[in-house]
PDB file of N, CA and C in Angstrom:
ATOM      1  N   MET A   1     291.505  70.908 220.286  1.00  0.00           N
ATOM      2  CA  MET A   1     291.187  71.507 221.562  1.00  0.00           C
ATOM      3  C   MET A   1     292.367  72.345 222.019  1.00  0.00           C
ATOM      4  N   HIS A   2     292.103  73.500 222.588  1.00  0.00           N
ATOM      5  CA  HIS A   2     293.180  74.329 223.109  1.00  0.00           C
ATOM      6  C   HIS A   2     292.805  74.807 224.504  1.00  0.00           C
ATOM      7  N   HIS A   3     293.849  75.157 225.242  1.00  0.00           N
ATOM      8  CA  HIS A   3     293.658  75.598 226.615  1.00  0.00           C
ATOM      9  C   HIS A   3     293.380  77.093 226.651  1.00  0.00           C
ATOM     10  N   PHE A   4     292.750  77.543 227.722  1.00  0.00           N
ATOM     11  CA  PHE A   4     292.457  78.951 227.905  1.00  0.00           C
ATOM     12  C   PHE A   4     293.722  79.776 227.741  1.00  0.00           C
ATOM     13  N   GLY A   5     293.645  80.843 226.985  1.00  0.00           N
ATOM     14  CA  GLY A   5     294.786  81.737 226.810  1.00  0.00           C
ATOM     15  C   GLY A   5     295.663  81.369 225.633  1.00  0.00           C
ATOM     16  N   GLN A   6     295.409  80.226 224.995  1.00  0.00           N
ATOM     17  CA  GLN A   6     296.212  79.837 223.849  1.00  0.00           C
ATOM     18  C   GLN A   6     295.382  79.983 222.584  1.00  0.00           C
ATOM     19  N   MET A   7     296.012  80.467 221.551  1.00  0.00           N
ATOM     20  CA  MET A   7     295.339  80.578 220.262  1.00  0.00           C
ATOM     21  C   MET A   7     295.571  79.287 219.493  1.00  0.00           C
ATOM     22  N   PRO A   8     294.549  78.729 218.877  1.00  0.00           N
ATOM     23  CA  PRO A   8     294.781  77.556 218.040  1.00  0.00           C
ATOM     24  C   PRO A   8     295.632  77.961 216.847  1.00  0.00           C
ATOM     25  N   SER A   9     296.582  77.140 216.497  1.00  0.00           N
ATOM     26  CA  SER A   9     297.485  77.458 215.399  1.00  0.00           C
ATOM     27  C   SER A   9     297.008  76.816 214.113  1.00  0.00           C
ATOM     28  N   THR A  10     297.092  77.565 213.032  1.00  0.00           N
ATOM     29  CA  THR A  10     296.750  77.017 211.721  1.00  0.00           C
ATOM     30  C   THR A  10     298.007  76.758 210.910  1.00  0.00           C
ATOM     31  N   ASN A  11     299.168  77.010 211.491  1.00  0.00           N
ATOM     32  CA  ASN A  11     300.422  76.899 210.741  1.00  0.00           C
ATOM     33  C   ASN A  11     301.348  75.833 211.297  1.00  0.00           C
ATOM     34  N   ASN A  12     300.828  74.808 211.948  1.00  0.00           N
ATOM     35  CA  ASN A  12     301.683  73.799 212.555  1.00  0.00           C
ATOM     36  C   ASN A  12     302.129  72.723 211.580  1.00  0.00           C
ATOM     37  N   PHE A  13     302.007  72.940 210.296  1.00  0.00           N
ATOM     38  CA  PHE A  13     302.456  71.962 209.319  1.00  0.00           C
ATOM     39  C   PHE A  13     303.657  72.524 208.582  1.00  0.00           C
ATOM     40  N   VAL A  14     304.474  71.624 208.064  1.00  0.00           N
ATOM     41  CA  VAL A  14     305.602  72.050 207.252  1.00  0.00           C
ATOM     42  C   VAL A  14     305.128  72.048 205.809  1.00  0.00           C
ATOM     43  N   ARG A  15     305.269  73.169 205.179  1.00  0.00           N
ATOM     44  CA  ARG A  15     304.829  73.330 203.793  1.00  0.00           C
ATOM     45  C   ARG A  15     305.587  72.339 202.909  1.00  0.00           C
ATOM     46  N   GLN A  16     304.880  71.768 201.961  1.00  0.00           N
ATOM     47  CA  GLN A  16     305.521  70.905 200.977  1.00  0.00           C
ATOM     48  C   GLN A  16     306.182  71.805 199.936  1.00  0.00           C
ATOM     49  N   CYS A  17     307.484  71.722 199.864  1.00  0.00           N
ATOM     50  CA  CYS A  17     308.231  72.575 198.940  1.00  0.00           C
ATOM     51  C   CYS A  17     308.668  71.758 197.730  1.00  0.00           C
ATOM     52  N   ALA A  18     308.869  72.441 196.619  1.00  0.00           N
ATOM     53  CA  ALA A  18     309.350  71.795 195.397  1.00  0.00           C
ATOM     54  C   ALA A  18     310.747  71.215 195.633  1.00  0.00           C
ATOM     55  N   GLU A  19     311.175  70.374 194.725  1.00  0.00           N
ATOM     56  CA  GLU A  19     312.462  69.684 194.857  1.00  0.00           C
ATOM     57  C   GLU A  19     313.636  70.655 195.015  1.00  0.00           C
ATOM     58  N   ASN A  20     313.580  71.795 194.358  1.00  0.00           N
ATOM     59  CA  ASN A  20     314.684  72.752 194.419  1.00  0.00           C
ATOM     60  C   ASN A  20     314.474  73.816 195.499  1.00  0.00           C
ATOM     61  N   GLN A  21     313.677  73.451 196.527  1.00  0.00           N
ATOM     62  CA  GLN A  21     313.385  74.355 197.634  1.00  0.00           C
ATOM     63  C   GLN A  21     313.426  73.570 198.932  1.00  0.00           C
ATOM     64  N   TYR A  22     313.497  74.296 200.053  1.00  0.00           N
ATOM     65  CA  TYR A  22     313.399  73.626 201.349  1.00  0.00           C
ATOM     66  C   TYR A  22     312.565  74.498 202.286  1.00  0.00           C
ATOM     67  N   PRO A  23     311.877  73.846 203.260  1.00  0.00           N
ATOM     68  CA  PRO A  23     310.997  74.602 204.156  1.00  0.00           C
ATOM     69  C   PRO A  23     311.791  75.361 205.228  1.00  0.00           C
ATOM     70  N   TYR A  24     311.244  76.477 205.633  1.00  0.00           N
ATOM     71  CA  TYR A  24     311.795  77.276 206.731  1.00  0.00           C
ATOM     72  C   TYR A  24     310.619  77.685 207.609  1.00  0.00           C
ATOM     73  N   ILE A  25     310.773  77.547 208.917  1.00  0.00           N
ATOM     74  CA  ILE A  25     309.723  77.919 209.870  1.00  0.00           C
ATOM     75  C   ILE A  25     310.028  79.314 210.421  1.00  0.00           C
ATOM     76  N   ILE A  26     309.082  80.233 210.283  1.00  0.00           N
ATOM     77  CA  ILE A  26     309.247  81.609 210.757  1.00  0.00           C
ATOM     78  C   ILE A  26     309.470  81.613 212.275  1.00  0.00           C
ATOM     79  N   GLN A  27     310.503  82.338 212.699  1.00  0.00           N
ATOM     80  CA  GLN A  27     310.854  82.476 214.113  1.00  0.00           C
ATOM     81  C   GLN A  27     310.510  83.886 214.597  1.00  0.00           C
ATOM     82  N   GLN A  28     310.419  84.046 215.901  1.00  0.00           N
ATOM     83  CA  GLN A  28     310.170  85.362 216.506  1.00  0.00           C
ATOM     84  C   GLN A  28     311.196  86.369 215.996  1.00  0.00           C
ATOM     85  N   GLY A  29     310.753  87.515 215.528  1.00  0.00           N
ATOM     86  CA  GLY A  29     311.644  88.576 215.066  1.00  0.00           C
ATOM     87  C   GLY A  29     312.055  88.470 213.610  1.00  0.00           C
ATOM     88  N   ASP A  30     311.667  87.400 212.925  1.00  0.00           N
ATOM     89  CA  ASP A  30     312.044  87.236 211.520  1.00  0.00           C
ATOM     90  C   ASP A  30     311.349  88.259 210.627  1.00  0.00           C
ATOM     91  N   THR A  31     312.085  88.734 209.653  1.00  0.00           N
ATOM     92  CA  THR A  31     311.545  89.480 208.522  1.00  0.00           C
ATOM     93  C   THR A  31     312.089  88.786 207.283  1.00  0.00           C
ATOM     94  N   LEU A  32     311.524  89.048 206.123  1.00  0.00           N
ATOM     95  CA  LEU A  32     312.062  88.422 204.920  1.00  0.00           C
ATOM     96  C   LEU A  32     313.498  88.862 204.662  1.00  0.00           C
ATOM     97  N   PHE A  33     313.822  90.102 205.005  1.00  0.00           N
ATOM     98  CA  PHE A  33     315.195  90.586 204.830  1.00  0.00           C
ATOM     99  C   PHE A  33     316.157  89.773 205.700  1.00  0.00           C
ATOM    100  N   ILE A  34     315.796  89.564 206.962  1.00  0.00           N
ATOM    101  CA  ILE A  34     316.654  88.803 207.885  1.00  0.00           C
ATOM    102  C   ILE A  34     316.796  87.359 207.409  1.00  0.00           C
ATOM    103  N   ILE A  35     315.677  86.759 207.001  1.00  0.00           N
ATOM    104  CA  ILE A  35     315.716  85.380 206.520  1.00  0.00           C
ATOM    105  C   ILE A  35     316.593  85.283 205.273  1.00  0.00           C
ATOM    106  N   ALA A  36     316.402  86.197 204.331  1.00  0.00           N
ATOM    107  CA  ALA A  36     317.187  86.188 203.096  1.00  0.00           C
ATOM    108  C   ALA A  36     318.675  86.330 203.399  1.00  0.00           C
ATOM    109  N   TYR A  37     319.033  87.236 204.298  1.00  0.00           N
ATOM    110  CA  TYR A  37     320.436  87.430 204.660  1.00  0.00           C
ATOM    111  C   TYR A  37     321.005  86.166 205.298  1.00  0.00           C
ATOM    112  N   ARG A  38     320.281  85.610 206.261  1.00  0.00           N
ATOM    113  CA  ARG A  38     320.751  84.441 207.001  1.00  0.00           C
ATOM    114  C   ARG A  38     320.910  83.222 206.093  1.00  0.00           C
ATOM    115  N   LEU A  39     320.016  83.086 205.120  1.00  0.00           N
ATOM    116  CA  LEU A  39     320.010  81.898 204.266  1.00  0.00           C
ATOM    117  C   LEU A  39     320.623  82.150 202.893  1.00  0.00           C
ATOM    118  N   ASP A  40     321.262  83.300 202.742  1.00  0.00           N
ATOM    119  CA  ASP A  40     321.997  83.646 201.532  1.00  0.00           C
ATOM    120  C   ASP A  40     321.135  83.551 200.276  1.00  0.00           C
ATOM    121  N   THR A  41     319.999  84.219 200.334  1.00  0.00           N
ATOM    122  CA  THR A  41     319.121  84.329 199.176  1.00  0.00           C
ATOM    123  C   THR A  41     318.630  85.768 199.128  1.00  0.00           C
ATOM    124  N   THR A  42     317.626  86.047 198.350  1.00  0.00           N
ATOM    125  CA  THR A  42     317.106  87.408 198.262  1.00  0.00           C
ATOM    126  C   THR A  42     315.626  87.434 198.651  1.00  0.00           C
ATOM    127  N   VAL A  43     315.158  88.599 199.070  1.00  0.00           N
ATOM    128  CA  VAL A  43     313.746  88.772 199.398  1.00  0.00           C
ATOM    129  C   VAL A  43     312.900  88.483 198.161  1.00  0.00           C
ATOM    130  N   SER A  44     313.318  88.982 196.998  1.00  0.00           N
ATOM    131  CA  SER A  44     312.525  88.752 195.783  1.00  0.00           C
ATOM    132  C   SER A  44     312.454  87.265 195.437  1.00  0.00           C
ATOM    133  N   SER A  45     313.512  86.504 195.670  1.00  0.00           N
ATOM    134  CA  SER A  45     313.479  85.059 195.416  1.00  0.00           C
ATOM    135  C   SER A  45     312.507  84.361 196.360  1.00  0.00           C
ATOM    136  N   ILE A  46     312.500  84.774 197.626  1.00  0.00           N
ATOM    137  CA  ILE A  46     311.563  84.185 198.594  1.00  0.00           C
ATOM    138  C   ILE A  46     310.128  84.502 198.186  1.00  0.00           C
ATOM    139  N   LEU A  47     309.868  85.745 197.782  1.00  0.00           N
ATOM    140  CA  LEU A  47     308.514  86.124 197.372  1.00  0.00           C
ATOM    141  C   LEU A  47     308.079  85.385 196.108  1.00  0.00           C
ATOM    142  N   ARG A  48     308.999  85.205 195.142  1.00  0.00           N
ATOM    143  CA  ARG A  48     308.686  84.452 193.925  1.00  0.00           C
ATOM    144  C   ARG A  48     308.355  82.995 194.255  1.00  0.00           C
ATOM    145  N   THR A  49     309.070  82.434 195.219  1.00  0.00           N
ATOM    146  CA  THR A  49     308.888  81.038 195.609  1.00  0.00           C
ATOM    147  C   THR A  49     307.597  80.839 196.394  1.00  0.00           C
ATOM    148  N   ASN A  50     307.137  81.873 197.096  1.00  0.00           N
ATOM    149  CA  ASN A  50     305.964  81.789 197.965  1.00  0.00           C
ATOM    150  C   ASN A  50     304.895  82.763 197.492  1.00  0.00           C
ATOM    151  N   ARG A  51     304.308  82.483 196.339  1.00  0.00           N
ATOM    152  CA  ARG A  51     303.275  83.351 195.766  1.00  0.00           C
ATOM    153  C   ARG A  51     302.182  83.613 196.793  1.00  0.00           C
ATOM    154  N   GLY A  52     301.792  84.866 196.947  1.00  0.00           N
ATOM    155  CA  GLY A  52     300.723  85.227 197.870  1.00  0.00           C
ATOM    156  C   GLY A  52     301.193  85.482 199.297  1.00  0.00           C
ATOM    157  N   LEU A  53     302.477  85.298 199.579  1.00  0.00           N
ATOM    158  CA  LEU A  53     303.003  85.548 200.924  1.00  0.00           C
ATOM    159  C   LEU A  53     302.958  87.038 201.225  1.00  0.00           C
ATOM    160  N   ASP A  54     302.400  87.408 202.362  1.00  0.00           N
ATOM    161  CA  ASP A  54     302.346  88.807 202.779  1.00  0.00           C
ATOM    162  C   ASP A  54     303.584  89.091 203.623  1.00  0.00           C
ATOM    163  N   PRO A  55     304.569  89.804 203.095  1.00  0.00           N
ATOM    164  CA  PRO A  55     305.807  90.043 203.840  1.00  0.00           C
ATOM    165  C   PRO A  55     305.602  90.885 205.099  1.00  0.00           C
ATOM    166  N   TYR A  56     304.450  91.543 205.211  1.00  0.00           N
ATOM    167  CA  TYR A  56     304.172  92.389 206.371  1.00  0.00           C
ATOM    168  C   TYR A  56     303.337  91.667 207.425  1.00  0.00           C
ATOM    169  N   ASN A  57     303.031  90.385 207.169  1.00  0.00           N
ATOM    170  CA  ASN A  57     302.207  89.639 208.111  1.00  0.00           C
ATOM    171  C   ASN A  57     302.741  88.218 208.296  1.00  0.00           C
ATOM    172  N   LEU A  58     304.048  88.102 208.571  1.00  0.00           N
ATOM    173  CA  LEU A  58     304.640  86.789 208.841  1.00  0.00           C
ATOM    174  C   LEU A  58     304.227  86.340 210.236  1.00  0.00           C
ATOM    175  N   GLN A  59     303.919  85.067 210.375  1.00  0.00           N
ATOM    176  CA  GLN A  59     303.465  84.518 211.648  1.00  0.00           C
ATOM    177  C   GLN A  59     304.495  83.531 212.184  1.00  0.00           C
ATOM    178  N   VAL A  60     304.841  83.646 213.469  1.00  0.00           N
ATOM    179  CA  VAL A  60     305.746  82.683 214.093  1.00  0.00           C
ATOM    180  C   VAL A  60     305.145  81.295 213.913  1.00  0.00           C
ATOM    181  N   GLY A  61     305.973  80.347 213.447  1.00  0.00           N
ATOM    182  CA  GLY A  61     305.517  78.978 213.214  1.00  0.00           C
ATOM    183  C   GLY A  61     305.058  78.734 211.787  1.00  0.00           C
ATOM    184  N   GLN A  62     304.875  79.818 211.019  1.00  0.00           N
ATOM    185  CA  GLN A  62     304.463  79.699 209.623  1.00  0.00           C
ATOM    186  C   GLN A  62     305.593  79.068 208.821  1.00  0.00           C
ATOM    187  N   SER A  63     305.258  78.201 207.894  1.00  0.00           N
ATOM    188  CA  SER A  63     306.243  77.542 207.042  1.00  0.00           C
ATOM    189  C   SER A  63     306.260  78.218 205.681  1.00  0.00           C
ATOM    190  N   ILE A  64     307.464  78.553 205.213  1.00  0.00           N
ATOM    191  CA  ILE A  64     307.631  79.094 203.863  1.00  0.00           C
ATOM    192  C   ILE A  64     308.689  78.254 203.160  1.00  0.00           C
ATOM    193  N   CYS A  65     308.772  78.391 201.849  1.00  0.00           N
ATOM    194  CA  CYS A  65     309.777  77.657 201.073  1.00  0.00           C
ATOM    195  C   CYS A  65     310.910  78.600 200.688  1.00  0.00           C
ATOM    196  N   ILE A  66     312.127  78.098 200.827  1.00  0.00           N
ATOM    197  CA  ILE A  66     313.326  78.865 200.493  1.00  0.00           C
ATOM    198  C   ILE A  66     313.948  78.256 199.246  1.00  0.00           C
ATOM    199  N   PRO A  67     314.278  79.077 198.237  1.00  0.00           N
ATOM    200  CA  PRO A  67     314.925  78.538 197.043  1.00  0.00           C
ATOM    201  C   PRO A  67     316.277  77.923 197.404  1.00  0.00           C
ATOM    202  N   ALA A  68     316.531  76.759 196.856  1.00  0.00           N
ATOM    203  CA  ALA A  68     317.795  76.066 197.139  1.00  0.00           C
ATOM    204  C   ALA A  68     318.795  76.354 196.021  1.00  0.00           C
ATOM    205  N   CYS A  69     319.728  75.481 195.873  1.00  0.00           N
ATOM    206  CA  CYS A  69     320.805  75.675 194.902  1.00  0.00           C
ATOM    207  C   CYS A  69     320.341  75.386 193.471  1.00  0.00           C
ATOM    208  N   PRO A  70     321.061  75.961 192.510  1.00  0.00           N
ATOM    209  CA  PRO A  70     320.731  75.695 191.105  1.00  0.00           C
ATOM    210  C   PRO A  70     321.073  74.247 190.736  1.00  0.00           C
ATOM    211  N   PRO A  71     320.653  73.800 189.556  1.00  0.00           N
ATOM    212  CA  PRO A  71     320.987  72.442 189.113  1.00  0.00           C
ATOM    213  C   PRO A  71     322.503  72.216 189.135  1.00  0.00           C
ATOM    214  N   ASN A  72     322.906  70.994 189.361  1.00  0.00           N
ATOM    215  CA  ASN A  72     324.312  70.577 189.406  1.00  0.00           C
ATOM    216  C   ASN A  72     325.075  71.187 190.578  1.00  0.00           C
ATOM    217  N   HIS A  73     324.361  71.567 191.617  1.00  0.00           N
ATOM    218  CA  HIS A  73     324.952  72.083 192.844  1.00  0.00           C
ATOM    219  C   HIS A  73     324.274  71.402 194.024  1.00  0.00           C
ATOM    220  N   ASN A  74     324.994  71.290 195.125  1.00  0.00           N
ATOM    221  CA  ASN A  74     324.439  70.740 196.362  1.00  0.00           C
ATOM    222  C   ASN A  74     324.536  71.780 197.458  1.00  0.00           C
ATOM    223  N   ALA A  75     323.504  71.836 198.287  1.00  0.00           N
ATOM    224  CA  ALA A  75     323.509  72.771 199.408  1.00  0.00           C
ATOM    225  C   ALA A  75     324.438  72.261 200.498  1.00  0.00           C
ATOM    226  N   TYR A  76     325.120  73.184 201.152  1.00  0.00           N
ATOM    227  CA  TYR A  76     325.984  72.861 202.293  1.00  0.00           C
ATOM    228  C   TYR A  76     325.749  73.926 203.352  1.00  0.00           C
ATOM    229  N   ILE A  77     325.613  73.510 204.597  1.00  0.00           N
ATOM    230  CA  ILE A  77     325.420  74.435 205.713  1.00  0.00           C
ATOM    231  C   ILE A  77     326.753  74.621 206.427  1.00  0.00           C
ATOM    232  N   ILE A  78     327.191  75.870 206.553  1.00  0.00           N
ATOM    233  CA  ILE A  78     328.469  76.190 207.200  1.00  0.00           C
ATOM    234  C   ILE A  78     328.438  75.734 208.661  1.00  0.00           C
ATOM    235  N   GLN A  79     329.505  75.030 209.056  1.00  0.00           N
ATOM    236  CA  GLN A  79     329.667  74.529 210.427  1.00  0.00           C
ATOM    237  C   GLN A  79     330.774  75.320 211.133  1.00  0.00           C
ATOM    238  N   THR A  80     330.794  75.251 212.443  1.00  0.00           N
ATOM    239  CA  THR A  80     331.854  75.891 213.219  1.00  0.00           C
ATOM    240  C   THR A  80     333.209  75.375 212.741  1.00  0.00           C
ATOM    241  N   GLY A  81     334.129  76.289 212.473  1.00  0.00           N
ATOM    242  CA  GLY A  81     335.480  75.916 212.053  1.00  0.00           C
ATOM    243  C   GLY A  81     335.654  75.770 210.559  1.00  0.00           C
ATOM    244  N   ASP A  82     334.586  75.850 209.781  1.00  0.00           N
ATOM    245  CA  ASP A  82     334.695  75.718 208.326  1.00  0.00           C
ATOM    246  C   ASP A  82     335.468  76.877 207.721  1.00  0.00           C
ATOM    247  N   THR A  83     336.219  76.567 206.700  1.00  0.00           N
ATOM    248  CA  THR A  83     336.850  77.570 205.834  1.00  0.00           C
ATOM    249  C   THR A  83     336.522  77.154 204.405  1.00  0.00           C
ATOM    250  N   LEU A  84     336.630  78.076 203.467  1.00  0.00           N
ATOM    251  CA  LEU A  84     336.379  77.707 202.081  1.00  0.00           C
ATOM    252  C   LEU A  84     337.373  76.663 201.609  1.00  0.00           C
ATOM    253  N   TRP A  85     338.627  76.765 202.069  1.00  0.00           N
ATOM    254  CA  TRP A  85     339.633  75.778 201.682  1.00  0.00           C
ATOM    255  C   TRP A  85     339.212  74.383 202.137  1.00  0.00           C
ATOM    256  N   ARG A  86     338.778  74.265 203.379  1.00  0.00           N
ATOM    257  CA  ARG A  86     338.373  72.962 203.922  1.00  0.00           C
ATOM    258  C   ARG A  86     337.142  72.428 203.187  1.00  0.00           C
ATOM    259  N   ILE A  87     336.177  73.290 202.939  1.00  0.00           N
ATOM    260  CA  ILE A  87     334.966  72.872 202.228  1.00  0.00           C
ATOM    261  C   ILE A  87     335.324  72.409 200.815  1.00  0.00           C
ATOM    262  N   ALA A  88     336.163  73.180 200.138  1.00  0.00           N
ATOM    263  CA  ALA A  88     336.587  72.821 198.778  1.00  0.00           C
ATOM    264  C   ALA A  88     337.301  71.468 198.777  1.00  0.00           C
ATOM    265  N   GLN A  89     338.208  71.249 199.722  1.00  0.00           N
ATOM    266  CA  GLN A  89     338.929  69.980 199.798  1.00  0.00           C
ATOM    267  C   GLN A  89     337.969  68.817 200.061  1.00  0.00           C
ATOM    268  N   THR A  90     337.037  69.027 200.982  1.00  0.00           N
ATOM    269  CA  THR A  90     336.083  67.967 201.342  1.00  0.00           C
ATOM    270  C   THR A  90     335.213  67.569 200.156  1.00  0.00           C
ATOM    271  N   HIS A  91     334.832  68.552 199.335  1.00  0.00           N
ATOM    272  CA  HIS A  91     333.918  68.289 198.222  1.00  0.00           C
ATOM    273  C   HIS A  91     334.628  68.107 196.885  1.00  0.00           C
ATOM    274  N   GLY A  92     335.958  68.218 196.875  1.00  0.00           N
ATOM    275  CA  GLY A  92     336.711  67.993 195.651  1.00  0.00           C
ATOM    276  C   GLY A  92     336.489  69.042 194.586  1.00  0.00           C
ATOM    277  N   VAL A  93     336.313  70.293 195.027  1.00  0.00           N
ATOM    278  CA  VAL A  93     336.129  71.406 194.091  1.00  0.00           C
ATOM    279  C   VAL A  93     337.111  72.513 194.449  1.00  0.00           C
ATOM    280  N   THR A  94     337.139  73.563 193.653  1.00  0.00           N
ATOM    281  CA  THR A  94     338.032  74.682 193.932  1.00  0.00           C
ATOM    282  C   THR A  94     337.315  75.763 194.727  1.00  0.00           C
ATOM    283  N   ILE A  95     338.092  76.556 195.432  1.00  0.00           N
ATOM    284  CA  ILE A  95     337.527  77.709 196.134  1.00  0.00           C
ATOM    285  C   ILE A  95     336.878  78.648 195.115  1.00  0.00           C
ATOM    286  N   LYS A  96     337.527  78.830 193.974  1.00  0.00           N
ATOM    287  CA  LYS A  96     337.000  79.705 192.923  1.00  0.00           C
ATOM    288  C   LYS A  96     335.606  79.250 192.480  1.00  0.00           C
ATOM    289  N   SER A  97     335.416  77.934 192.321  1.00  0.00           N
ATOM    290  CA  SER A  97     334.100  77.445 191.873  1.00  0.00           C
ATOM    291  C   SER A  97     333.028  77.677 192.947  1.00  0.00           C
ATOM    292  N   ILE A  98     333.411  77.580 194.215  1.00  0.00           N
ATOM    293  CA  ILE A  98     332.459  77.865 195.299  1.00  0.00           C
ATOM    294  C   ILE A  98     332.080  79.341 195.275  1.00  0.00           C
ATOM    295  N   LEU A  99     333.075  80.210 195.129  1.00  0.00           N
ATOM    296  CA  LEU A  99     332.804  81.654 195.101  1.00  0.00           C
ATOM    297  C   LEU A  99     331.974  82.050 193.880  1.00  0.00           C
ATOM    298  N   GLU A 100     332.206  81.409 192.736  1.00  0.00           N
ATOM    299  CA  GLU A 100     331.407  81.695 191.541  1.00  0.00           C
ATOM    300  C   GLU A 100     329.954  81.290 191.747  1.00  0.00           C
ATOM    301  N   ALA A 101     329.725  80.209 192.490  1.00  0.00           N
ATOM    302  CA  ALA A 101     328.361  79.739 192.751  1.00  0.00           C
ATOM    303  C   ALA A 101     327.672  80.552 193.846  1.00  0.00           C
ATOM    304  N   ASN A 102     328.460  81.296 194.627  1.00  0.00           N
ATOM    305  CA  ASN A 102     327.934  82.045 195.776  1.00  0.00           C
ATOM    306  C   ASN A 102     328.529  83.441 195.800  1.00  0.00           C
ATOM    307  N   PRO A 103     328.133  84.303 194.859  1.00  0.00           N
ATOM    308  CA  PRO A 103     328.781  85.613 194.741  1.00  0.00           C
ATOM    309  C   PRO A 103     328.634  86.508 195.968  1.00  0.00           C
ATOM    310  N   SER A 104     327.659  86.260 196.817  1.00  0.00           N
ATOM    311  CA  SER A 104     327.476  87.118 197.992  1.00  0.00           C
ATOM    312  C   SER A 104     328.271  86.630 199.209  1.00  0.00           C
ATOM    313  N   VAL A 105     328.956  85.502 199.088  1.00  0.00           N
ATOM    314  CA  VAL A 105     329.714  84.954 200.217  1.00  0.00           C
ATOM    315  C   VAL A 105     331.007  85.743 200.408  1.00  0.00           C
ATOM    316  N   GLU A 106     331.238  86.148 201.649  1.00  0.00           N
ATOM    317  CA  GLU A 106     332.496  86.799 202.017  1.00  0.00           C
ATOM    318  C   GLU A 106     333.440  85.699 202.492  1.00  0.00           C
ATOM    319  N   PRO A 107     334.511  85.403 201.760  1.00  0.00           N
ATOM    320  CA  PRO A 107     335.379  84.270 202.098  1.00  0.00           C
ATOM    321  C   PRO A 107     335.956  84.315 203.513  1.00  0.00           C
ATOM    322  N   ASP A 108     336.200  85.499 204.029  1.00  0.00           N
ATOM    323  CA  ASP A 108     336.801  85.615 205.363  1.00  0.00           C
ATOM    324  C   ASP A 108     335.763  85.742 206.471  1.00  0.00           C
ATOM    325  N   TYR A 109     334.482  85.737 206.117  1.00  0.00           N
ATOM    326  CA  TYR A 109     333.429  85.916 207.117  1.00  0.00           C
ATOM    327  C   TYR A 109     332.285  84.931 206.900  1.00  0.00           C
ATOM    328  N   LEU A 110     332.605  83.640 206.909  1.00  0.00           N
ATOM    329  CA  LEU A 110     331.561  82.628 206.799  1.00  0.00           C
ATOM    330  C   LEU A 110     330.742  82.625 208.075  1.00  0.00           C
ATOM    331  N   ARG A 111     329.423  82.471 207.933  1.00  0.00           N
ATOM    332  CA  ARG A 111     328.524  82.464 209.088  1.00  0.00           C
ATOM    333  C   ARG A 111     328.056  81.039 209.373  1.00  0.00           C
ATOM    334  N   VAL A 112     328.211  80.585 210.602  1.00  0.00           N
ATOM    335  CA  VAL A 112     327.709  79.275 210.989  1.00  0.00           C
ATOM    336  C   VAL A 112     326.208  79.246 210.720  1.00  0.00           C
ATOM    337  N   GLY A 113     325.746  78.196 210.051  1.00  0.00           N
ATOM    338  CA  GLY A 113     324.342  78.072 209.693  1.00  0.00           C
ATOM    339  C   GLY A 113     324.019  78.624 208.315  1.00  0.00           C
ATOM    340  N   GLN A 114     324.975  79.336 207.710  1.00  0.00           N
ATOM    341  CA  GLN A 114     324.774  79.895 206.372  1.00  0.00           C
ATOM    342  C   GLN A 114     324.732  78.746 205.355  1.00  0.00           C
ATOM    343  N   ARG A 115     323.807  78.837 204.388  1.00  0.00           N
ATOM    344  CA  ARG A 115     323.727  77.833 203.324  1.00  0.00           C
ATOM    345  C   ARG A 115     324.484  78.351 202.115  1.00  0.00           C
ATOM    346  N   ILE A 116     325.371  77.516 201.595  1.00  0.00           N
ATOM    347  CA  ILE A 116     326.057  77.843 200.354  1.00  0.00           C
ATOM    348  C   ILE A 116     325.813  76.701 199.369  1.00  0.00           C
ATOM    349  N   CYS A 117     326.058  76.981 198.114  1.00  0.00           N
ATOM    350  CA  CYS A 117     325.892  75.973 197.069  1.00  0.00           C
ATOM    351  C   CYS A 117     327.263  75.502 196.607  1.00  0.00           C
ATOM    352  N   ILE A 118     327.432  74.196 196.603  1.00  0.00           N
ATOM    353  CA  ILE A 118     328.703  73.593 196.174  1.00  0.00           C
ATOM    354  C   ILE A 118     328.482  72.957 194.806  1.00  0.00           C
ATOM    355  N   PRO A 119     329.302  73.348 193.813  1.00  0.00           N
ATOM    356  CA  PRO A 119     329.164  72.713 192.486  1.00  0.00           C
ATOM    357  C   PRO A 119     329.460  71.217 192.592  1.00  0.00           C
ATOM    358  N   ASN A 120     328.765  70.417 191.767  1.00  0.00           N
ATOM    359  CA  ASN A 120     329.076  69.008 191.740  1.00  0.00           C
ATOM    360  C   ASN A 120     330.516  68.825 191.246  1.00  0.00           C
ATOM    361  N   CYS A 121     331.160  67.832 191.759  1.00  0.00           N
ATOM    362  CA  CYS A 121     332.556  67.575 191.413  1.00  0.00           C
ATOM    363  C   CYS A 121     332.628  66.982 190.003  1.00  0.00           C
ATOM    364  N   GLU A 122     332.985  67.815 189.039  1.00  0.00           N
ATOM    365  CA  GLU A 122     333.138  67.309 187.674  1.00  0.00           C
ATOM    366  C   GLU A 122     334.552  66.780 187.452  1.00  0.00           C
ATOM    367  N   VAL A 123     335.526  67.547 187.860  1.00  0.00           N
ATOM    368  CA  VAL A 123     336.915  67.095 187.785  1.00  0.00           C
ATOM    369  C   VAL A 123     337.446  67.225 189.208  1.00  0.00           C
ATOM    370  N   CYS A 124     337.461  66.118 189.912  1.00  0.00           N
ATOM    371  CA  CYS A 124     337.871  66.149 191.312  1.00  0.00           C
ATOM    372  C   CYS A 124     339.348  66.506 191.434  1.00  0.00           C
ATOM    373  N   LEU A 125     339.696  67.066 192.570  1.00  0.00           N
ATOM    374  CA  LEU A 125     341.049  67.571 192.783  1.00  0.00           C
ATOM    375  C   LEU A 125     342.060  66.481 193.131  1.00  0.00           C
ATOM    376  N   ASN A 126     341.607  65.291 193.426  1.00  0.00           N
ATOM    377  CA  ASN A 126     342.536  64.239 193.870  1.00  0.00           C
ATOM    378  C   ASN A 126     343.430  63.750 192.799  1.00  0.00           C
TER     379      ASN A 126
END
């Protein structure tokens, strides 16, 4: 049941994404380019992950799947005050290994909310 003036929504569910993906809910003003930039992925990767998605008809509240990190990597969301040095120390990896896993990351311009991939600690720094 819906109230006068409201459209019933068909997109109020979170899409079930594969293990190497995570759901993202379309927000007002989103485009695939903006989403890809914000989440450090590419438009083509989003389209490959969401077969049949119409990039010209995104709906606010619609759930799509975002490709996550490759095998042997863990996703990390940049927090206020993070630096690559601090992230590397916390996860027991090198800055170089983080940059190799995230070639589009600008080391001096980390964005809060940005997702990066951290390699699993094979030889910890301790």
